[in-house]
Amino acid sequence: MKIVPDKASTIANFFDAVNLGVFLASLFFTVAICGTMVWFAFKYKAGRQTQTPRIYGNNTLEIIWTVVPTVVVIILGILGVYLREKMFEIQPNSLTINVVGWKWAWEFQYPNGKKTSGQNAELVVPLGHPVKLIVTSRDVLHSFFIPAMRVKQDAVPGQYKYLTFTPTKVGEFPVFCTEYCGTRHSLMLARLKVVPEQEFKVWLESKPSTQVSPVFLGRKLYSDLGCNACHSLKEGERLVGPSFYGLKGSVREIKGQKVEVDENYVRESILYPNQFVVEGFQANVMPSYLGRLSDEELDALVYFVLNFLEAPSEELVKVSLEQEEKMDLASLSPVERGKILYEQKACIGCHSLDGSKLVGPSFKNLYGSQRKFQDGTSAIADEEYLKASILYPNKNIVEGYVAAMPSYEGQLSDEELNDIIEFIKAQK
């Protein structure tokens, strides 16, 4: 029977040394203090005495028992801080794996889309390669613990937390949930399998997953939800919102405070955009996506925003609208083609079809309506008005809205422009 688990990561030895140091210090002072108390109780028992003798202090002893424990605590504190820094240090070439907990199993998703999940799911990692696990939960609080790696992290619903380790030993090691999460908590197990680098590559590419990779799903959502209208992927290109280029690990100025960009920052910015308005950009422009994305879609979009630069180049070349390649657009009506453009050109992110107010006016009953502008003038929303609004959107801003729409001049052919207008006219 093992007293301590296997040591299978680069921090395991140091972790155990600090842990042993805390234990020995606690043992020493417990024995010294309690032992002295018991010895004094026997040696100086009162007997028949009715009056306690007056005992004066000893300055030397008082200095010793104040200074020595203080020095010990300071040393252990320094070692603990250093160990924590090493435990959460992210290596630039880390393999990033998403970990999701739910009652009562773990799911592991790799950058290429491959997943393993269920009770006793396998988390396979390469020997000697840094690993970063992004941990969250779908339901209640869980806690992800790999004893052999000496790492543990809470899985919190609605938050992303991470842990890192570099495996140093080939083998299989148990994974536990250490937060009571319901009746089958004790069965919420998984296995960490450490294999040689080449074997890991073969495993990762074998039996291709039917699931798309997080970066590709995120790329599709980036286009489908209209993020590309306001957020560029190019270095230095400023649109309505900040560029995603170089976002990962950067520091943003928000309400006079500096915030480091991580998974939680991006997630909160998607769900509650007006709480995280970057200095130099307008508030109340980006719509909230709270309730509009599934957990998987939200995870994928967050992953894409932070990791699209590290994705294989062919992933970014793929066009998310695969159906367009398979259909004959000429066989569709102008309204049908306009709907496709409405989704492709990011109109869907700012203009609703049901009358609800987003960044821009709703398309419902727009055609033929009276539009009042910020400068006090007004116009009827006819075909010429719609065309001018698409090509020169900031010329006449409708009352109650801000200048947020990019110009589509030079981005649409005459036929495409006509199709979009016909689609808008059809929204009743």
Protein backbone atom coordinates (compact mmCIF):
# COMPACT_ATOMS: atom_id res chain seq x y z
CA MET A 1 0.00 0.00 0.00
CA LYS A 2 1.39 3.37 -1.05
CA ILE A 3 1.59 6.13 1.53
CA VAL A 4 1.72 8.79 -1.20
CA PRO A 5 0.62 8.57 -4.87
CA ASP A 6 3.05 8.16 -7.76
CA LYS A 7 5.22 11.14 -8.57
CA ALA A 8 4.65 11.71 -12.28
CA SER A 9 5.07 15.44 -12.95
CA THR A 10 7.86 17.99 -12.87
CA ILE A 11 6.51 19.64 -9.71
CA ALA A 12 5.74 16.43 -7.78
CA ASN A 13 9.06 16.20 -5.90
CA PHE A 14 9.07 19.86 -4.88
CA PHE A 15 5.38 19.66 -3.94
CA ASP A 16 6.05 16.66 -1.68
CA ALA A 17 9.09 18.36 -0.14
CA VAL A 18 7.04 21.44 0.81
CA ASN A 19 4.22 19.24 2.07
CA LEU A 20 6.68 17.20 4.16
CA GLY A 21 8.23 20.40 5.51
CA VAL A 22 4.81 21.65 6.67
CA PHE A 23 4.06 18.28 8.24
CA LEU A 24 7.39 18.03 10.10
CA ALA A 25 7.17 21.63 11.34
CA SER A 26 3.62 21.02 12.57
CA LEU A 27 4.68 17.76 14.23
CA PHE A 28 7.70 19.35 15.92
CA PHE A 29 5.79 22.29 17.39
CA THR A 30 2.84 20.12 18.40
CA VAL A 31 5.10 17.72 20.30
CA ALA A 32 7.21 20.55 21.76
CA ILE A 33 4.24 22.59 23.01
CA CYS A 34 1.94 19.78 24.16
CA GLY A 35 4.84 17.74 25.54
CA THR A 36 6.06 20.68 27.59
CA MET A 37 2.53 21.27 28.91
CA VAL A 38 2.18 17.64 30.03
CA TRP A 39 5.68 17.59 31.57
CA PHE A 40 5.00 20.83 33.47
CA ALA A 41 1.67 19.46 34.70
CA PHE A 42 3.43 16.53 36.35
CA LYS A 43 6.60 18.28 37.50
CA TYR A 44 4.92 21.33 38.99
CA LYS A 45 1.68 19.85 40.27
CA ALA A 46 0.35 21.90 43.21
CA GLY A 47 -0.06 19.09 45.73
CA ARG A 48 -1.38 20.54 48.99
CA GLN A 49 -0.48 24.14 48.06
CA THR A 50 -3.41 26.52 48.24
CA GLN A 51 -1.72 29.52 46.63
CA THR A 52 -0.17 29.64 43.12
CA PRO A 53 3.40 30.95 43.25
CA ARG A 54 4.12 34.20 41.39
CA ILE A 55 6.17 33.46 38.25
CA TYR A 56 7.98 36.25 36.37
CA GLY A 57 8.48 36.19 32.57
CA ASN A 58 11.63 35.24 30.70
CA ASN A 59 12.42 37.67 27.88
CA THR A 60 14.80 35.27 26.16
CA LEU A 61 12.22 32.49 25.97
CA GLU A 62 9.52 34.87 24.77
CA ILE A 63 11.76 36.14 21.96
CA ILE A 64 12.64 32.57 20.91
CA TRP A 65 9.08 31.26 20.79
CA THR A 66 7.96 34.35 18.86
CA VAL A 67 10.83 34.66 16.37
CA VAL A 68 11.34 30.95 15.53
CA PRO A 69 7.71 30.19 14.53
CA THR A 70 7.57 33.49 12.60
CA VAL A 71 10.68 32.59 10.58
CA VAL A 72 9.32 29.08 9.91
CA VAL A 73 5.97 30.46 8.72
CA ILE A 74 7.69 33.03 6.46
CA ILE A 75 9.89 30.35 4.88
CA LEU A 76 6.93 28.04 4.29
CA GLY A 77 4.94 30.97 2.88
CA ILE A 78 7.68 31.82 0.38
CA LEU A 79 7.96 28.18 -0.68
CA GLY A 80 4.17 27.95 -1.03
CA VAL A 81 3.95 31.04 -3.23
CA TYR A 82 6.81 29.79 -5.42
CA LEU A 83 5.15 26.35 -5.72
CA ARG A 84 1.82 27.90 -6.70
CA GLU A 85 3.52 29.98 -9.39
CA LYS A 86 5.13 26.83 -10.80
CA MET A 87 1.82 24.94 -10.65
CA PHE A 88 0.03 27.57 -12.76
CA GLU A 89 2.88 28.53 -15.07
CA ILE A 90 1.72 28.25 -18.71
CA GLN A 91 4.36 27.08 -21.17
CA PRO A 92 4.11 28.63 -24.67
CA ASN A 93 3.92 25.20 -26.37
CA SER A 94 1.32 23.72 -24.00
CA LEU A 95 -1.24 21.24 -25.29
CA THR A 96 -4.62 22.82 -24.43
CA ILE A 97 -7.46 20.43 -23.54
CA ASN A 98 -10.97 21.45 -22.50
CA VAL A 99 -12.27 19.59 -19.44
CA VAL A 100 -16.00 19.63 -18.66
CA GLY A 101 -17.55 18.02 -15.60
CA TRP A 102 -21.16 17.04 -15.08
CA LYS A 103 -23.05 14.64 -12.84
CA TRP A 104 -21.30 12.23 -12.89
CA ALA A 105 -18.56 12.10 -15.50
CA TRP A 106 -15.74 14.04 -17.16
CA GLU A 107 -15.36 15.05 -20.81
CA PHE A 108 -12.04 15.85 -22.48
CA GLN A 109 -11.91 17.67 -25.84
CA TYR A 110 -8.71 18.12 -27.85
CA PRO A 111 -7.88 20.95 -30.31
CA ASN A 112 -8.67 18.73 -33.33
CA GLY A 113 -12.18 18.01 -32.02
CA LYS A 114 -11.52 14.55 -30.63
CA LYS A 115 -13.45 13.83 -27.44
CA THR A 116 -13.44 11.22 -24.72
CA SER A 117 -16.16 11.26 -22.10
CA GLY A 118 -18.22 9.21 -19.68
CA GLN A 119 -17.31 7.30 -16.56
CA ASN A 120 -13.67 6.19 -16.60
CA ALA A 121 -12.98 8.42 -19.63
CA GLU A 122 -9.34 8.58 -20.69
CA LEU A 123 -7.33 11.79 -20.67
CA VAL A 124 -4.39 10.92 -22.93
CA VAL A 125 -1.34 13.21 -22.90
CA PRO A 126 2.22 12.98 -24.32
CA LEU A 127 5.21 12.30 -22.08
CA GLY A 128 7.34 15.35 -21.33
CA HIS A 129 4.99 17.81 -23.05
CA PRO A 130 3.40 20.69 -21.07
CA VAL A 131 -0.37 20.36 -20.73
CA LYS A 132 -2.93 23.08 -19.98
CA LEU A 133 -6.41 21.97 -18.89
CA ILE A 134 -9.25 24.50 -19.09
CA VAL A 135 -11.81 23.29 -16.56
CA THR A 136 -15.51 24.12 -16.22
CA SER A 137 -18.79 22.48 -15.17
CA ARG A 138 -22.20 22.05 -16.81
CA ASP A 139 -24.26 21.72 -13.63
CA VAL A 140 -22.91 21.86 -10.07
CA LEU A 141 -19.54 22.44 -8.43
CA HIS A 142 -17.01 19.67 -9.09
CA SER A 143 -13.28 19.47 -8.41
CA PHE A 144 -10.80 17.93 -10.85
CA PHE A 145 -7.92 16.14 -9.09
CA ILE A 146 -4.96 14.16 -10.48
CA PRO A 147 -2.96 12.98 -7.44
CA ALA A 148 0.04 11.75 -9.45
CA MET A 149 0.46 15.17 -11.07
CA ARG A 150 -0.13 16.97 -7.74
CA VAL A 151 -2.71 19.27 -9.33
CA LYS A 152 -6.32 20.04 -8.43
CA GLN A 153 -8.79 22.63 -9.67
CA ASP A 154 -12.46 23.38 -8.99
CA ALA A 155 -14.87 23.02 -11.91
CA VAL A 156 -17.28 25.93 -11.49
CA PRO A 157 -20.43 26.43 -13.58
CA GLY A 158 -20.19 29.58 -15.69
CA GLN A 159 -16.43 30.00 -15.17
CA TYR A 160 -13.23 28.77 -16.76
CA LYS A 161 -10.35 27.77 -14.51
CA TYR A 162 -7.11 26.15 -15.56
CA LEU A 163 -4.31 23.96 -14.31
CA THR A 164 -1.03 22.92 -15.84
CA PHE A 165 1.43 20.06 -15.52
CA THR A 166 4.22 18.34 -17.43
CA PRO A 167 4.12 14.52 -17.12
CA THR A 168 7.42 12.77 -16.48
CA LYS A 169 6.32 9.14 -16.21
CA VAL A 170 4.54 6.81 -18.64
CA GLY A 171 1.53 4.99 -17.23
CA GLU A 172 -2.09 5.27 -16.14
CA PHE A 173 -3.10 7.35 -13.15
CA PRO A 174 -6.51 7.87 -11.48
CA VAL A 175 -8.51 11.08 -11.75
CA PHE A 176 -11.08 12.00 -9.08
CA CYS A 177 -13.78 14.52 -8.33
CA THR A 178 -13.02 15.81 -4.84
CA GLU A 179 -16.11 17.99 -4.34
CA TYR A 180 -19.27 16.18 -3.21
CA CYS A 181 -21.64 16.60 -6.16
CA GLY A 182 -24.50 14.19 -5.52
CA THR A 183 -25.42 10.57 -5.01
CA ARG A 184 -22.94 9.13 -7.54
CA HIS A 185 -20.04 11.39 -6.64
CA SER A 186 -17.82 8.44 -5.76
CA LEU A 187 -18.24 7.05 -9.30
CA MET A 188 -17.09 10.25 -11.03
CA LEU A 189 -13.75 8.80 -12.06
CA ALA A 190 -11.44 9.11 -15.05
CA ARG A 191 -7.95 7.96 -16.06
CA LEU A 192 -4.92 9.97 -17.06
CA LYS A 193 -2.88 8.01 -19.59
CA VAL A 194 0.65 9.26 -20.28
CA VAL A 195 2.18 7.85 -23.48
CA PRO A 196 5.28 8.60 -25.59
CA GLU A 197 4.98 11.57 -27.96
CA GLN A 198 4.76 9.49 -31.14
CA GLU A 199 2.15 7.16 -29.68
CA PHE A 200 0.10 10.18 -28.64
CA LYS A 201 0.15 11.59 -32.19
CA VAL A 202 -1.07 8.27 -33.57
CA TRP A 203 -3.84 8.09 -30.93
CA LEU A 204 -4.93 11.68 -31.56
CA GLU A 205 -5.32 11.16 -35.31
CA SER A 206 -6.84 7.67 -35.13
CA LYS A 207 -10.59 7.18 -35.54
CA PRO A 208 -11.27 10.74 -36.67
CA SER A 209 -13.94 12.40 -34.59
CA THR A 210 -17.27 13.33 -36.10
CA GLN A 211 -17.09 16.44 -33.95
CA VAL A 212 -15.60 19.57 -35.47
CA SER A 213 -12.65 21.09 -33.68
CA PRO A 214 -13.35 23.95 -31.25
CA VAL A 215 -11.38 26.40 -33.39
CA PHE A 216 -13.38 25.51 -36.53
CA LEU A 217 -16.76 25.65 -34.76
CA GLY A 218 -15.67 28.95 -33.23
CA ARG A 219 -14.64 30.20 -36.70
CA LYS A 220 -18.07 29.31 -38.04
CA LEU A 221 -19.82 31.09 -35.18
CA TYR A 222 -17.52 34.11 -35.65
CA SER A 223 -18.97 34.45 -39.15
CA ASP A 224 -22.53 33.28 -38.52
CA LEU A 225 -23.12 35.54 -35.50
CA GLY A 226 -21.69 38.61 -37.16
CA CYS A 227 -18.61 38.98 -34.97
CA ASN A 228 -16.54 39.59 -38.14
CA ALA A 229 -18.41 42.84 -38.80
CA CYS A 230 -17.01 44.43 -35.65
CA HIS A 231 -13.92 42.40 -34.67
CA SER A 232 -11.05 41.90 -37.08
CA LEU A 233 -8.59 39.00 -37.08
CA LYS A 234 -5.87 41.18 -38.58
CA GLU A 235 -3.12 42.92 -36.68
CA GLY A 236 -3.78 46.61 -36.13
CA GLU A 237 -7.12 46.68 -37.99
CA ARG A 238 -9.69 48.65 -35.97
CA LEU A 239 -13.39 48.15 -36.63
CA VAL A 240 -16.33 48.87 -34.32
CA GLY A 241 -14.82 46.64 -31.64
CA PRO A 242 -11.26 45.60 -30.75
CA SER A 243 -9.37 43.22 -33.02
CA PHE A 244 -8.97 39.63 -31.85
CA TYR A 245 -5.38 39.55 -33.13
CA GLY A 246 -2.94 39.13 -30.25
CA LEU A 247 -5.78 39.24 -27.72
CA LYS A 248 -4.62 36.23 -25.71
CA GLY A 249 -2.66 37.28 -22.63
CA SER A 250 -2.88 40.98 -23.46
CA VAL A 251 -3.91 43.65 -20.93
CA ARG A 252 -7.04 45.75 -21.59
CA GLU A 253 -7.87 49.12 -20.03
CA ILE A 254 -11.45 48.95 -18.68
CA LYS A 255 -13.00 51.64 -16.47
CA GLY A 256 -9.57 52.78 -15.37
CA GLN A 257 -8.46 49.27 -14.43
CA LYS A 258 -6.09 46.93 -16.26
CA VAL A 259 -7.50 43.46 -16.90
CA GLU A 260 -5.58 40.51 -18.34
CA VAL A 261 -7.38 38.74 -21.17
CA ASP A 262 -8.09 35.07 -20.43
CA GLU A 263 -10.94 32.62 -21.01
CA ASN A 264 -13.15 34.17 -18.32
CA TYR A 265 -12.67 37.67 -19.71
CA VAL A 266 -13.73 36.60 -23.22
CA ARG A 267 -16.68 34.59 -21.92
CA GLU A 268 -17.99 37.48 -19.82
CA SER A 269 -17.46 39.91 -22.72
CA ILE A 270 -19.66 37.74 -24.94
CA LEU A 271 -22.43 37.35 -22.39
CA TYR A 272 -22.25 40.79 -20.73
CA PRO A 273 -20.49 43.04 -23.27
CA ASN A 274 -21.36 46.38 -21.69
CA GLN A 275 -19.57 45.50 -18.46
CA PHE A 276 -16.24 45.20 -20.30
CA VAL A 277 -16.05 48.19 -22.66
CA VAL A 278 -12.43 48.66 -23.68
CA GLU A 279 -11.08 52.20 -23.46
CA GLY A 280 -11.53 53.99 -26.79
CA PHE A 281 -14.61 52.01 -27.87
CA GLN A 282 -18.33 52.72 -27.48
CA ALA A 283 -20.68 51.11 -24.99
CA ASN A 284 -24.12 49.70 -25.85
CA VAL A 285 -22.98 48.64 -29.32
CA MET A 286 -22.39 44.92 -28.97
CA PRO A 287 -25.48 42.78 -28.26
CA SER A 288 -25.46 40.24 -25.45
CA TYR A 289 -25.34 36.58 -26.46
CA LEU A 290 -26.67 35.40 -23.12
CA GLY A 291 -29.12 32.56 -23.82
CA ARG A 292 -28.32 32.57 -27.55
CA LEU A 293 -25.43 30.09 -27.42
CA SER A 294 -25.24 26.54 -26.15
CA ASP A 295 -22.46 25.65 -23.70
CA GLU A 296 -20.53 23.92 -26.48
CA GLU A 297 -20.88 26.91 -28.82
CA LEU A 298 -19.80 29.35 -26.12
CA ASP A 299 -16.75 27.22 -25.27
CA ALA A 300 -15.82 26.98 -28.96
CA LEU A 301 -16.18 30.71 -29.58
CA VAL A 302 -14.03 31.53 -26.54
CA TYR A 303 -11.42 29.01 -27.69
CA PHE A 304 -11.38 30.46 -31.23
CA VAL A 305 -11.00 34.07 -30.07
CA LEU A 306 -7.93 33.19 -28.00
CA ASN A 307 -6.35 30.49 -30.17
CA PHE A 308 -7.13 31.16 -33.84
CA LEU A 309 -3.53 32.25 -34.48
CA GLU A 310 -2.28 28.87 -33.25
CA ALA A 311 -4.74 26.84 -35.35
CA PRO A 312 -3.54 24.93 -38.41
CA SER A 313 -3.68 27.23 -41.43
CA GLU A 314 -6.09 24.98 -43.34
CA GLU A 315 -8.63 25.35 -40.55
CA LEU A 316 -8.81 29.10 -41.14
CA VAL A 317 -9.02 28.71 -44.89
CA LYS A 318 -12.19 26.61 -44.61
CA VAL A 319 -15.39 28.54 -45.27
CA SER A 320 -17.97 28.00 -42.57
CA LEU A 321 -20.93 28.19 -44.93
CA GLU A 322 -20.50 24.74 -46.48
CA GLN A 323 -24.04 24.68 -47.82
CA GLU A 324 -23.30 27.57 -50.16
CA GLU A 325 -20.80 25.42 -52.05
CA LYS A 326 -23.37 22.67 -52.57
CA MET A 327 -26.37 24.74 -53.67
CA ASP A 328 -27.09 26.44 -56.95
CA LEU A 329 -27.66 30.05 -55.92
CA ALA A 330 -29.12 30.90 -59.31
CA SER A 331 -32.01 28.54 -58.64
CA LEU A 332 -33.00 30.46 -55.51
CA SER A 333 -35.25 33.50 -55.30
CA PRO A 334 -33.78 36.94 -54.48
CA VAL A 335 -35.32 36.71 -51.00
CA GLU A 336 -33.69 33.31 -50.38
CA ARG A 337 -30.32 34.56 -51.60
CA GLY A 338 -30.78 37.68 -49.49
CA LYS A 339 -31.32 35.54 -46.41
CA ILE A 340 -28.04 33.75 -47.06
CA LEU A 341 -26.26 37.10 -47.38
CA TYR A 342 -28.00 38.34 -44.21
CA GLU A 343 -26.33 35.46 -42.37
CA GLN A 344 -23.00 35.61 -44.21
CA LYS A 345 -22.41 39.35 -44.05
CA ALA A 346 -22.97 39.61 -40.30
CA CYS A 347 -26.33 41.47 -40.52
CA ILE A 348 -27.73 38.76 -38.23
CA GLY A 349 -25.63 39.99 -35.33
CA CYS A 350 -27.07 43.52 -35.31
CA HIS A 351 -30.49 43.43 -37.01
CA SER A 352 -33.25 41.15 -35.71
CA LEU A 353 -36.18 39.80 -37.74
CA ASP A 354 -38.69 39.75 -34.88
CA GLY A 355 -38.84 43.40 -33.92
CA SER A 356 -36.39 43.18 -31.01
CA LYS A 357 -33.79 45.93 -30.68
CA LEU A 358 -30.17 44.94 -31.13
CA VAL A 359 -27.25 47.14 -32.21
CA GLY A 360 -29.23 48.33 -35.25
CA PRO A 361 -32.92 48.61 -36.12
CA SER A 362 -34.93 45.45 -36.66
CA PHE A 363 -35.73 44.46 -40.26
CA LYS A 364 -39.30 43.58 -39.28
CA ASN A 365 -41.68 46.04 -40.99
CA LEU A 366 -38.70 48.23 -41.89
CA TYR A 367 -39.53 48.67 -45.57
CA GLY A 368 -41.93 51.56 -46.14
CA SER A 369 -41.69 52.84 -42.56
CA GLN A 370 -40.85 56.42 -41.55
CA ARG A 371 -37.32 56.74 -40.17
CA LYS A 372 -36.35 59.69 -38.01
CA PHE A 373 -32.66 60.60 -37.88
CA GLN A 374 -30.50 62.06 -35.13
CA ASP A 375 -30.17 65.38 -36.94
CA GLY A 376 -33.96 65.86 -36.86
CA THR A 377 -34.63 64.94 -40.50
CA SER A 378 -36.59 61.89 -41.62
CA ALA A 379 -37.14 59.68 -44.66
CA ILE A 380 -39.22 56.79 -45.93
CA ALA A 381 -37.39 53.44 -45.91
CA ASP A 382 -37.69 52.72 -49.62
CA GLU A 383 -35.24 50.88 -51.87
CA GLU A 384 -32.97 53.90 -52.29
CA TYR A 385 -32.89 54.42 -48.53
CA LEU A 386 -31.98 50.78 -47.90
CA LYS A 387 -29.26 50.85 -50.54
CA ALA A 388 -27.72 54.02 -49.10
CA SER A 389 -27.91 52.60 -45.56
CA ILE A 390 -25.93 49.50 -46.62
CA LEU A 391 -23.28 51.37 -48.60
CA TYR A 392 -23.03 54.54 -46.47
CA PRO A 393 -24.44 53.52 -43.06
CA ASN A 394 -23.09 56.46 -41.05
CA LYS A 395 -24.55 59.16 -43.28
CA ASN A 396 -27.96 59.10 -41.58
CA ILE A 397 -28.10 57.54 -38.10
CA VAL A 398 -31.58 56.55 -36.93
CA GLU A 399 -32.64 58.19 -33.68
CA GLY A 400 -31.85 55.99 -30.68
CA TYR A 401 -28.92 54.18 -32.32
CA VAL A 402 -25.17 54.77 -32.61
CA ALA A 403 -22.82 54.84 -35.60
CA ALA A 404 -21.65 51.25 -35.39
CA MET A 405 -22.28 49.64 -38.80
CA PRO A 406 -19.36 49.16 -41.21
CA SER A 407 -19.75 50.17 -44.86
CA TYR A 408 -20.35 47.44 -47.44
CA GLU A 409 -19.30 49.63 -50.36
CA GLY A 410 -17.18 47.51 -52.69
CA GLN A 411 -18.04 44.32 -50.78
CA LEU A 412 -21.31 43.55 -52.59
CA SER A 413 -22.17 43.20 -56.25
CA ASP A 414 -25.27 44.96 -57.60
CA GLU A 415 -27.10 41.62 -57.64
CA GLU A 416 -26.15 40.85 -54.03
CA LEU A 417 -27.21 44.33 -52.95
CA ASN A 418 -30.57 43.84 -54.65
CA ASP A 419 -31.01 40.41 -53.00
CA ILE A 420 -30.46 41.85 -49.52
CA ILE A 421 -32.92 44.65 -50.19
CA GLU A 422 -35.54 42.13 -51.40
CA PHE A 423 -34.99 40.08 -48.23
CA ILE A 424 -35.49 43.17 -46.04
CA LYS A 425 -38.65 44.10 -47.97
CA ALA A 426 -40.04 40.61 -47.27
CA GLN A 427 -39.74 40.94 -43.49
CA LYS A 428 -43.30 41.69 -42.31
